N, C-alpha and C. Protein backbone atom coordinates (compact mmCIF):
# COMPACT_ATOMS: atom_id res chain seq x y z
N MET A 1 2.90 25.10 10.19
CA MET A 1 2.73 24.06 9.17
C MET A 1 1.30 24.69 8.04
N PRO A 2 1.46 24.50 6.98
CA PRO A 2 0.01 25.01 6.47
C PRO A 2 -0.79 23.80 6.44
N TRP A 3 -2.30 24.55 6.32
CA TRP A 3 -3.27 23.75 6.59
C TRP A 3 -3.38 22.74 5.30
N SER A 4 -3.14 23.03 4.23
CA SER A 4 -3.07 22.38 2.97
C SER A 4 -2.09 21.24 3.00
N PHE A 5 -0.93 21.21 3.74
CA PHE A 5 -0.13 20.10 3.89
C PHE A 5 -0.69 19.32 4.83
N VAL A 6 -1.28 19.48 5.98
CA VAL A 6 -2.14 18.69 6.77
C VAL A 6 -3.04 18.06 6.44
N TRP A 7 -4.03 18.70 5.63
CA TRP A 7 -4.96 18.12 4.89
C TRP A 7 -4.53 16.88 3.98
N GLY A 8 -3.31 17.41 3.00
CA GLY A 8 -2.84 16.36 2.06
C GLY A 8 -2.38 15.15 2.69
N VAL A 9 -1.69 15.24 3.77
CA VAL A 9 -1.16 14.18 4.67
C VAL A 9 -2.52 13.23 4.89
N VAL A 10 -3.75 13.87 5.77
CA VAL A 10 -4.72 13.11 6.01
C VAL A 10 -5.38 12.50 4.96
N VAL A 11 -5.51 13.11 3.73
CA VAL A 11 -6.27 12.38 2.50
C VAL A 11 -5.25 11.27 2.33
N VAL A 12 -4.02 11.66 1.89
CA VAL A 12 -3.27 10.55 1.18
C VAL A 12 -2.95 9.11 2.30
N TYR A 13 -2.89 9.65 3.65
CA TYR A 13 -2.29 8.47 4.39
C TYR A 13 -3.81 7.75 4.87
N GLY A 14 -4.81 8.56 4.75
CA GLY A 14 -5.93 7.97 5.47
C GLY A 14 -6.84 7.17 4.42
N ILE A 15 -6.81 7.59 3.14
CA ILE A 15 -7.33 7.15 2.02
C ILE A 15 -6.17 5.94 1.21
N SER A 16 -5.25 6.14 1.01
CA SER A 16 -4.43 5.49 0.29
C SER A 16 -3.95 4.31 1.11
N GLN A 17 -3.49 4.60 1.97
CA GLN A 17 -2.86 3.62 3.10
C GLN A 17 -3.96 2.94 3.97
N GLY A 18 -4.67 3.86 4.56
CA GLY A 18 -5.96 3.25 5.53
C GLY A 18 -6.67 2.59 4.89
N LEU A 19 -7.62 3.15 4.14
CA LEU A 19 -8.85 2.67 3.42
C LEU A 19 -8.72 1.73 2.62
N GLY A 20 -7.84 2.09 1.69
CA GLY A 20 -7.07 1.20 0.54
C GLY A 20 -6.34 -0.06 0.91
N GLY A 21 -5.70 0.24 2.00
CA GLY A 21 -4.88 -1.23 2.50
C GLY A 21 -5.89 -1.91 3.56
N ALA A 22 -7.13 -1.55 4.03
CA ALA A 22 -8.09 -2.37 4.80
C ALA A 22 -8.92 -3.06 3.66
N LEU A 23 -9.36 -2.24 2.44
CA LEU A 23 -10.13 -3.17 1.56
C LEU A 23 -9.10 -4.29 0.71
N SER A 24 -8.02 -3.89 0.44
CA SER A 24 -7.05 -4.47 -0.02
C SER A 24 -6.79 -6.05 0.71
N ARG A 25 -6.65 -5.86 2.17
CA ARG A 25 -6.48 -6.91 2.74
C ARG A 25 -7.93 -7.92 3.17
N VAL A 26 -8.87 -7.32 2.89
CA VAL A 26 -10.20 -8.04 3.05
C VAL A 26 -10.30 -8.61 1.68
N GLY A 27 -10.13 -7.88 0.53
CA GLY A 27 -10.45 -8.47 -0.74
C GLY A 27 -9.35 -9.65 -1.18
N THR A 28 -8.11 -9.55 -0.47
CA THR A 28 -7.20 -10.55 -0.50
C THR A 28 -7.65 -11.78 0.24
N LYS A 29 -8.19 -11.74 1.22
CA LYS A 29 -8.51 -12.82 1.94
C LYS A 29 -9.96 -13.52 1.29
N TYR A 30 -10.75 -12.79 0.72
CA TYR A 30 -11.87 -13.42 -0.04
C TYR A 30 -11.55 -14.20 -1.15
N TYR A 31 -10.53 -13.38 -1.96
CA TYR A 31 -10.02 -13.64 -3.17
C TYR A 31 -9.23 -14.89 -2.99
N MET A 32 -8.51 -15.21 -2.05
CA MET A 32 -7.82 -16.95 -1.63
C MET A 32 -8.99 -17.84 -1.54
N LYS A 33 -10.01 -17.48 -0.66
CA LYS A 33 -10.76 -18.32 -0.37
C LYS A 33 -11.75 -18.64 -1.45
N ASN A 34 -12.36 -17.62 -2.09
CA ASN A 34 -13.26 -17.82 -3.17
C ASN A 34 -13.10 -18.05 -4.47
N VAL A 35 -12.01 -17.12 -5.01
CA VAL A 35 -11.50 -17.50 -6.52
C VAL A 35 -10.56 -18.61 -6.65
N GLN A 36 -9.54 -18.38 -5.48
CA GLN A 36 -8.20 -19.65 -5.59
C GLN A 36 -8.48 -20.69 -4.80
N LYS A 37 -9.63 -20.73 -4.07
CA LYS A 37 -9.72 -22.03 -3.23
C LYS A 37 -8.97 -22.72 -2.41
N VAL A 38 -8.28 -21.81 -1.71
CA VAL A 38 -7.33 -22.24 -0.98
C VAL A 38 -7.52 -22.36 0.54
N GLN A 39 -6.98 -23.19 1.11
CA GLN A 39 -7.43 -23.56 2.85
C GLN A 39 -6.80 -22.23 3.16
N PRO A 40 -7.50 -22.23 4.77
CA PRO A 40 -6.99 -21.17 5.44
C PRO A 40 -5.60 -20.91 5.92
N SER A 41 -4.92 -22.26 6.28
CA SER A 41 -3.86 -22.10 6.66
C SER A 41 -2.66 -21.84 5.46
N GLU A 42 -2.94 -22.22 4.23
CA GLU A 42 -2.32 -21.97 2.66
C GLU A 42 -2.42 -20.80 2.76
N ALA A 43 -3.65 -20.03 2.71
CA ALA A 43 -3.65 -18.87 2.35
C ALA A 43 -2.79 -17.93 3.41
N GLN A 44 -2.71 -18.17 4.77
CA GLN A 44 -2.03 -17.47 5.47
C GLN A 44 -0.38 -17.18 5.17
N PHE A 45 0.12 -18.48 4.78
CA PHE A 45 1.35 -18.70 4.16
C PHE A 45 1.41 -17.44 2.93
N TYR A 46 0.59 -17.53 2.11
CA TYR A 46 0.65 -16.70 0.91
C TYR A 46 0.62 -15.26 1.42
N GLN A 47 -0.04 -15.03 2.59
CA GLN A 47 -0.24 -13.57 3.11
C GLN A 47 1.21 -13.15 3.38
N GLY A 48 1.75 -14.09 4.17
CA GLY A 48 3.33 -13.73 4.46
C GLY A 48 4.23 -13.08 3.20
N ILE A 49 3.76 -13.98 2.07
CA ILE A 49 4.43 -13.66 1.04
C ILE A 49 4.20 -12.50 0.43
N ILE A 50 2.92 -12.09 0.32
CA ILE A 50 2.47 -11.00 -0.26
C ILE A 50 2.89 -9.96 0.70
N TYR A 51 2.92 -9.64 2.07
CA TYR A 51 3.10 -8.66 2.91
C TYR A 51 4.75 -8.50 3.32
N PHE A 52 5.49 -9.34 2.31
CA PHE A 52 7.04 -9.38 2.72
C PHE A 52 7.71 -7.84 2.38
N PRO A 53 7.08 -7.31 1.37
CA PRO A 53 7.56 -5.95 1.03
C PRO A 53 7.52 -5.00 2.09
N TRP A 54 6.45 -5.10 2.82
CA TRP A 54 6.27 -4.30 4.40
C TRP A 54 7.32 -4.70 5.20
N MET A 55 7.75 -5.73 5.17
CA MET A 55 8.80 -6.38 6.38
C MET A 55 10.15 -5.55 6.22
N VAL A 56 10.34 -5.55 5.03
CA VAL A 56 11.61 -5.10 4.23
C VAL A 56 11.74 -3.45 4.02
N LYS A 57 10.52 -2.83 4.49
CA LYS A 57 10.48 -1.53 4.30
C LYS A 57 11.66 -0.66 4.45
N PRO A 58 12.34 -0.96 5.64
CA PRO A 58 13.79 -0.11 5.63
C PRO A 58 14.68 -0.17 4.81
N ILE A 59 14.74 -1.31 3.79
CA ILE A 59 15.49 -1.55 2.84
C ILE A 59 15.02 -0.69 1.79
N TRP A 60 13.72 -0.50 1.16
CA TRP A 60 13.56 0.49 0.44
C TRP A 60 14.01 1.75 0.62
N GLY A 61 13.71 2.39 1.90
CA GLY A 61 14.22 3.66 2.37
C GLY A 61 15.52 3.72 2.18
N LEU A 62 16.51 2.84 2.43
CA LEU A 62 17.70 2.92 2.16
C LEU A 62 18.36 2.96 0.84
N LEU A 63 17.47 2.35 -0.29
CA LEU A 63 17.72 2.16 -1.29
C LEU A 63 17.44 3.57 -2.10
N THR A 64 16.19 4.24 -1.55
CA THR A 64 16.08 5.48 -2.21
C THR A 64 17.02 6.68 -1.78
N ASP A 65 17.38 6.26 -0.58
CA ASP A 65 18.33 7.51 -0.10
C ASP A 65 19.61 7.15 -0.78
N VAL A 66 19.98 5.92 -1.21
CA VAL A 66 21.69 5.68 -1.61
C VAL A 66 21.84 5.78 -3.16
N VAL A 67 20.90 5.13 -3.80
CA VAL A 67 20.88 4.70 -5.12
C VAL A 67 20.04 5.49 -5.81
N PRO A 68 20.64 6.83 -6.14
CA PRO A 68 19.76 7.36 -7.22
C PRO A 68 19.54 7.14 -8.50
N ILE A 69 18.61 7.50 -9.06
CA ILE A 69 18.13 6.76 -10.46
C ILE A 69 18.30 8.38 -11.36
N PHE A 70 19.01 8.59 -12.27
CA PHE A 70 18.95 9.53 -13.14
C PHE A 70 19.36 10.68 -12.42
N GLY A 71 19.67 10.63 -11.18
CA GLY A 71 20.13 12.00 -10.56
C GLY A 71 19.00 12.25 -9.26
N TYR A 72 17.98 11.42 -9.25
CA TYR A 72 16.92 11.69 -8.48
C TYR A 72 16.96 10.46 -7.38
N ARG A 73 16.53 10.94 -6.16
CA ARG A 73 16.26 10.00 -5.19
C ARG A 73 15.18 9.21 -4.93
N ARG A 74 14.00 10.06 -5.15
CA ARG A 74 12.62 9.30 -4.69
C ARG A 74 11.91 9.40 -6.00
N HIS A 75 11.60 10.24 -6.87
CA HIS A 75 10.87 10.36 -7.92
C HIS A 75 10.95 9.12 -8.82
N PRO A 76 11.87 8.54 -9.56
CA PRO A 76 12.01 7.19 -10.08
C PRO A 76 11.47 6.18 -9.43
N TYR A 77 11.66 6.12 -7.95
CA TYR A 77 10.94 5.08 -7.24
C TYR A 77 9.65 5.08 -7.20
N PHE A 78 9.05 6.34 -6.88
CA PHE A 78 7.88 6.50 -6.70
C PHE A 78 6.99 6.10 -7.81
N ILE A 79 7.53 6.82 -8.96
CA ILE A 79 6.75 6.32 -10.30
C ILE A 79 6.65 4.82 -10.81
N SER A 80 7.67 4.17 -10.43
CA SER A 80 8.16 2.95 -10.77
C SER A 80 7.17 1.91 -9.72
N ALA A 81 7.23 2.52 -8.65
CA ALA A 81 6.46 1.70 -7.45
C ALA A 81 4.70 1.76 -7.89
N GLY A 82 4.25 2.75 -8.35
CA GLY A 82 3.11 3.13 -8.57
C GLY A 82 2.95 2.23 -9.96
N SER A 83 3.50 2.28 -10.72
CA SER A 83 3.28 1.64 -12.13
C SER A 83 3.29 0.12 -11.87
N MET A 84 4.16 -0.39 -11.06
CA MET A 84 4.01 -1.81 -10.85
C MET A 84 2.77 -2.32 -10.12
N GLY A 85 2.37 -1.43 -8.93
CA GLY A 85 1.43 -1.55 -8.61
C GLY A 85 -0.07 -1.58 -9.17
N VAL A 86 -0.04 -0.53 -10.17
CA VAL A 86 -1.35 -0.59 -10.92
C VAL A 86 -1.33 -1.61 -12.00
N ILE A 87 -0.03 -1.98 -12.49
CA ILE A 87 -0.04 -3.21 -13.33
C ILE A 87 -0.49 -4.46 -12.91
N SER A 88 0.13 -4.65 -11.54
CA SER A 88 -0.27 -5.89 -10.87
C SER A 88 -1.47 -6.08 -10.59
N MET A 89 -2.12 -4.89 -9.83
CA MET A 89 -3.67 -5.13 -9.85
C MET A 89 -4.49 -5.20 -10.84
N LEU A 90 -4.40 -4.53 -12.18
CA LEU A 90 -5.00 -4.43 -13.06
C LEU A 90 -4.99 -6.01 -13.84
N LEU A 91 -3.82 -6.61 -13.80
CA LEU A 91 -3.41 -8.16 -13.96
C LEU A 91 -4.53 -9.08 -13.28
N LEU A 92 -4.30 -9.04 -11.89
CA LEU A 92 -5.05 -9.45 -11.40
C LEU A 92 -6.94 -9.38 -11.27
N SER A 93 -6.91 -8.28 -11.29
CA SER A 93 -8.51 -7.98 -11.71
C SER A 93 -9.18 -8.53 -12.79
N PHE A 94 -8.30 -8.44 -14.10
CA PHE A 94 -8.98 -8.63 -15.30
C PHE A 94 -8.71 -9.90 -15.82
N HIS A 95 -7.98 -11.06 -15.26
CA HIS A 95 -7.56 -12.08 -15.65
C HIS A 95 -8.77 -13.11 -15.11
N GLU A 96 -9.26 -13.94 -15.73
CA GLU A 96 -10.35 -14.85 -15.21
C GLU A 96 -9.76 -15.91 -14.60
N LYS A 97 -8.66 -16.71 -14.95
CA LYS A 97 -8.47 -17.72 -14.19
C LYS A 97 -6.71 -17.73 -14.17
N LEU A 98 -6.58 -16.76 -13.14
CA LEU A 98 -5.02 -16.71 -13.05
C LEU A 98 -4.26 -17.81 -12.06
N HIS A 99 -3.31 -18.33 -12.37
CA HIS A 99 -2.63 -19.57 -11.78
C HIS A 99 -2.45 -18.66 -10.46
N LEU A 100 -2.19 -19.64 -9.26
CA LEU A 100 -2.09 -19.28 -7.99
C LEU A 100 -0.97 -18.64 -7.76
N ALA A 101 0.16 -19.29 -8.43
CA ALA A 101 1.69 -18.37 -8.33
C ALA A 101 1.32 -17.28 -8.83
N PHE A 102 1.01 -16.72 -9.96
CA PHE A 102 0.93 -15.56 -10.53
C PHE A 102 0.13 -14.72 -9.91
N ALA A 103 -1.00 -15.14 -9.47
CA ALA A 103 -1.94 -14.36 -8.21
C ALA A 103 -1.19 -13.83 -6.99
N VAL A 104 -0.32 -14.64 -6.43
CA VAL A 104 0.60 -14.43 -5.43
C VAL A 104 1.65 -13.34 -5.83
N LEU A 105 2.24 -13.53 -6.80
CA LEU A 105 3.16 -12.68 -7.61
C LEU A 105 2.61 -11.36 -7.62
N SER A 106 1.43 -11.26 -8.06
CA SER A 106 0.58 -10.14 -8.63
C SER A 106 0.50 -9.20 -7.39
N LEU A 107 -0.36 -10.06 -6.35
CA LEU A 107 -0.54 -9.33 -5.06
C LEU A 107 0.85 -8.87 -4.37
N THR A 108 1.71 -9.50 -4.73
CA THR A 108 3.09 -8.91 -4.07
C THR A 108 3.56 -7.87 -4.65
N GLY A 109 3.46 -8.06 -6.14
CA GLY A 109 3.70 -6.91 -6.74
C GLY A 109 3.10 -5.47 -6.28
N GLY A 110 1.65 -5.46 -6.22
CA GLY A 110 1.10 -4.43 -5.46
C GLY A 110 1.26 -4.04 -4.26
N SER A 111 1.52 -5.01 -3.22
CA SER A 111 1.97 -4.81 -2.17
C SER A 111 3.33 -3.83 -2.10
N ALA A 112 4.12 -4.34 -2.77
CA ALA A 112 5.47 -3.68 -2.89
C ALA A 112 5.39 -2.25 -3.32
N GLY A 113 4.57 -2.35 -4.37
CA GLY A 113 4.29 -0.70 -5.01
C GLY A 113 4.02 0.05 -4.17
N VAL A 114 2.83 -0.40 -3.22
CA VAL A 114 2.18 0.76 -2.12
C VAL A 114 3.59 0.80 -0.89
N ALA A 115 4.25 -0.29 -0.39
CA ALA A 115 5.06 -0.23 0.41
C ALA A 115 6.30 0.91 -0.01
N VAL A 116 6.86 0.73 -1.15
CA VAL A 116 7.78 1.64 -1.91
C VAL A 116 7.22 3.00 -1.86
N ALA A 117 6.08 3.32 -2.51
CA ALA A 117 5.61 4.76 -2.59
C ALA A 117 5.28 5.11 -0.93
N ASP A 118 4.96 4.38 0.04
CA ASP A 118 4.73 4.79 1.17
C ASP A 118 6.28 5.20 1.81
N VAL A 119 7.12 4.64 1.57
CA VAL A 119 8.67 5.00 1.82
C VAL A 119 9.01 6.63 1.37
N THR A 120 8.65 6.50 0.08
CA THR A 120 8.91 7.71 -0.55
C THR A 120 8.20 8.78 0.03
N THR A 121 7.06 9.01 -0.18
CA THR A 121 6.12 10.13 0.27
C THR A 121 6.36 10.44 1.73
N ILE A 122 6.51 9.40 2.63
CA ILE A 122 6.59 9.69 4.24
C ILE A 122 7.89 10.23 4.55
N ASP A 123 9.37 9.85 3.76
CA ASP A 123 10.52 10.48 3.44
C ASP A 123 10.63 11.80 3.08
N ALA A 124 9.98 12.13 2.18
CA ALA A 124 9.76 13.49 1.35
C ALA A 124 8.99 14.26 2.41
N CYS A 125 7.81 13.82 2.99
CA CYS A 125 7.21 14.77 4.09
C CYS A 125 8.12 15.21 5.37
N VAL A 126 8.49 14.46 5.74
CA VAL A 126 9.18 14.39 7.07
C VAL A 126 10.50 15.19 6.52
N GLU A 127 11.38 14.92 5.71
CA GLU A 127 12.49 15.71 5.45
C GLU A 127 12.22 17.11 5.07
N GLN A 128 11.13 17.43 4.18
CA GLN A 128 10.72 18.79 3.80
C GLN A 128 10.37 19.61 5.04
N ASN A 129 9.50 18.86 6.08
CA ASN A 129 9.12 19.64 7.23
C ASN A 129 9.97 19.91 8.09
N SER A 130 10.83 18.67 8.36
CA SER A 130 11.42 18.92 9.30
C SER A 130 12.84 19.73 9.12
N ILE A 131 12.96 20.14 7.99
CA ILE A 131 13.89 21.31 7.51
C ILE A 131 13.18 22.58 7.77
N ASN A 132 11.67 22.87 7.68
CA ASN A 132 11.20 24.06 7.91
C ASN A 132 10.82 24.05 9.29
N HIS A 133 10.35 23.03 9.83
CA HIS A 133 10.00 22.93 11.14
C HIS A 133 10.44 21.83 11.84
N PRO A 134 11.85 21.78 12.33
CA PRO A 134 12.46 20.78 12.99
C PRO A 134 11.83 20.14 14.19
N SER A 135 11.02 21.05 15.10
CA SER A 135 10.40 20.69 16.45
C SER A 135 9.03 19.63 16.01
N LEU A 136 8.70 19.75 14.68
CA LEU A 136 7.35 18.99 14.45
C LEU A 136 7.75 17.79 13.49
N GLU A 137 8.82 17.17 13.39
CA GLU A 137 9.32 16.31 12.95
C GLU A 137 8.32 14.98 13.24
N SER A 138 8.40 14.65 14.53
CA SER A 138 7.72 13.48 15.30
C SER A 138 6.05 13.66 14.89
N ASP A 139 5.83 14.96 14.97
CA ASP A 139 4.08 15.05 14.81
C ASP A 139 3.65 14.71 13.77
N VAL A 140 4.67 14.84 12.62
CA VAL A 140 4.21 14.62 10.98
C VAL A 140 3.98 13.16 10.85
N GLN A 141 5.14 12.65 11.54
CA GLN A 141 4.94 10.95 11.56
C GLN A 141 3.58 10.39 12.07
N SER A 142 3.57 11.00 13.32
CA SER A 142 2.20 10.54 14.07
C SER A 142 0.76 11.02 13.21
N LEU A 143 0.99 12.17 12.73
CA LEU A 143 -0.13 12.47 11.73
C LEU A 143 -0.38 11.69 10.71
N CYS A 144 0.63 10.76 10.01
CA CYS A 144 0.64 10.01 8.99
C CYS A 144 0.00 8.76 9.67
N ALA A 145 0.38 8.14 10.83
CA ALA A 145 0.10 6.95 11.29
C ALA A 145 -1.51 7.08 12.03
N LEU A 146 -1.75 8.27 12.35
CA LEU A 146 -2.97 8.31 12.59
C LEU A 146 -4.23 8.30 11.73
N SER A 147 -3.84 9.06 10.51
CA SER A 147 -4.82 9.10 9.39
C SER A 147 -4.78 7.99 8.84
N SER A 148 -3.79 7.16 8.71
CA SER A 148 -3.67 5.73 8.32
C SER A 148 -4.73 4.91 8.97
N SER A 149 -4.39 4.87 10.44
CA SER A 149 -5.49 3.99 11.36
C SER A 149 -6.93 4.42 11.22
N ILE A 150 -7.11 5.48 11.15
CA ILE A 150 -8.57 6.08 11.08
C ILE A 150 -9.23 5.38 9.60
N GLY A 151 -8.34 5.45 8.78
CA GLY A 151 -8.76 5.26 6.99
C GLY A 151 -8.77 3.46 7.35
N ALA A 152 -7.92 2.85 8.06
CA ALA A 152 -8.27 1.74 7.99
C ALA A 152 -9.32 1.04 9.11
N LEU A 153 -9.66 1.67 10.12
CA LEU A 153 -11.01 1.34 10.71
C LEU A 153 -12.22 1.43 9.94
N VAL A 154 -12.16 2.52 9.00
CA VAL A 154 -13.45 2.95 8.15
C VAL A 154 -13.19 1.61 7.25
N GLY A 155 -12.16 1.33 6.46
CA GLY A 155 -11.82 -0.05 5.38
C GLY A 155 -12.28 -1.05 5.98
N PHE A 156 -12.07 -1.36 7.15
CA PHE A 156 -12.42 -2.68 7.78
C PHE A 156 -13.90 -2.83 7.86
N SER A 157 -14.50 -1.63 8.41
CA SER A 157 -15.81 -1.80 8.68
C SER A 157 -16.57 -1.72 7.60
N ILE A 158 -16.49 -1.24 6.41
CA ILE A 158 -17.08 -1.43 5.27
C ILE A 158 -16.67 -2.53 4.19
N GLY A 159 -15.68 -2.71 4.40
CA GLY A 159 -14.93 -3.87 3.58
C GLY A 159 -15.87 -5.07 3.30
N GLY A 160 -16.33 -5.95 4.23
CA GLY A 160 -17.32 -6.85 3.84
C GLY A 160 -18.42 -6.48 3.00
N ILE A 161 -19.07 -5.31 3.32
CA ILE A 161 -20.23 -5.05 2.43
C ILE A 161 -19.69 -4.65 0.86
N PHE A 162 -18.71 -3.95 0.85
CA PHE A 162 -18.04 -3.58 -0.24
C PHE A 162 -17.59 -4.95 -1.27
N ILE A 163 -17.14 -5.74 -0.37
CA ILE A 163 -16.79 -7.37 -1.42
C ILE A 163 -18.01 -7.92 -1.68
N HIS A 164 -18.99 -7.83 -0.89
CA HIS A 164 -20.24 -8.60 -1.02
C HIS A 164 -20.88 -8.02 -2.14
N LEU A 165 -20.81 -6.86 -2.08
CA LEU A 165 -21.68 -6.03 -3.37
C LEU A 165 -20.58 -6.11 -4.88
N ILE A 166 -19.58 -6.31 -4.94
CA ILE A 166 -18.47 -6.14 -6.13
C ILE A 166 -17.88 -7.36 -6.49
N GLY A 167 -17.82 -7.98 -5.14
CA GLY A 167 -16.86 -9.15 -5.48
C GLY A 167 -15.27 -9.09 -5.36
N PRO A 168 -14.75 -10.24 -4.92
CA PRO A 168 -13.17 -9.91 -4.39
C PRO A 168 -12.55 -9.43 -5.59
N LYS A 169 -12.42 -9.79 -6.66
CA LYS A 169 -11.89 -9.44 -7.81
C LYS A 169 -11.84 -8.02 -8.32
N VAL A 170 -12.81 -7.71 -8.33
CA VAL A 170 -13.22 -6.32 -8.81
C VAL A 170 -12.67 -5.42 -7.90
N SER A 171 -12.60 -5.77 -6.42
CA SER A 171 -12.07 -4.83 -5.32
C SER A 171 -10.55 -4.32 -5.52
N PHE A 172 -9.84 -5.16 -6.46
CA PHE A 172 -8.45 -4.84 -6.45
C PHE A 172 -8.30 -3.68 -7.80
N PHE A 173 -9.28 -3.31 -8.55
CA PHE A 173 -9.08 -2.30 -9.36
C PHE A 173 -9.77 -1.12 -8.67
């Protein structure tokens, strides 16, 4: 496999999923506590709703493989998911007094955007490289998971400092 591909996987999964996901989780907890003023047990309930798109990730994979949009299987889903995630997080970042229901909906939209984008990118990576290098298919998935885990460790390590410096709302931007 070319080193540019390996480096691309490390950067995308390490930064986008690992670091970004960790900062998002830390930011969400502080946002629920400090901005929305919800109790911890209530915040946990909302966390379950927010991360529901990750629980149904296999359905996103089936959808992208079975239902093409304009003849394409992954590109429209990737673009739609990215747009939905950006709009959701911008709404959350710039709205002063967002109602709790809309905040949860916005956070769920951002989570769904990342989950769908994850499915489309990992499927494309594995598919392309399993054709060219069938013996390395599981290694590519392991590389994605390792990169994401290392990024998450870094994100959780610096998340509290980052939230303290810029606040929980700005961290979504």
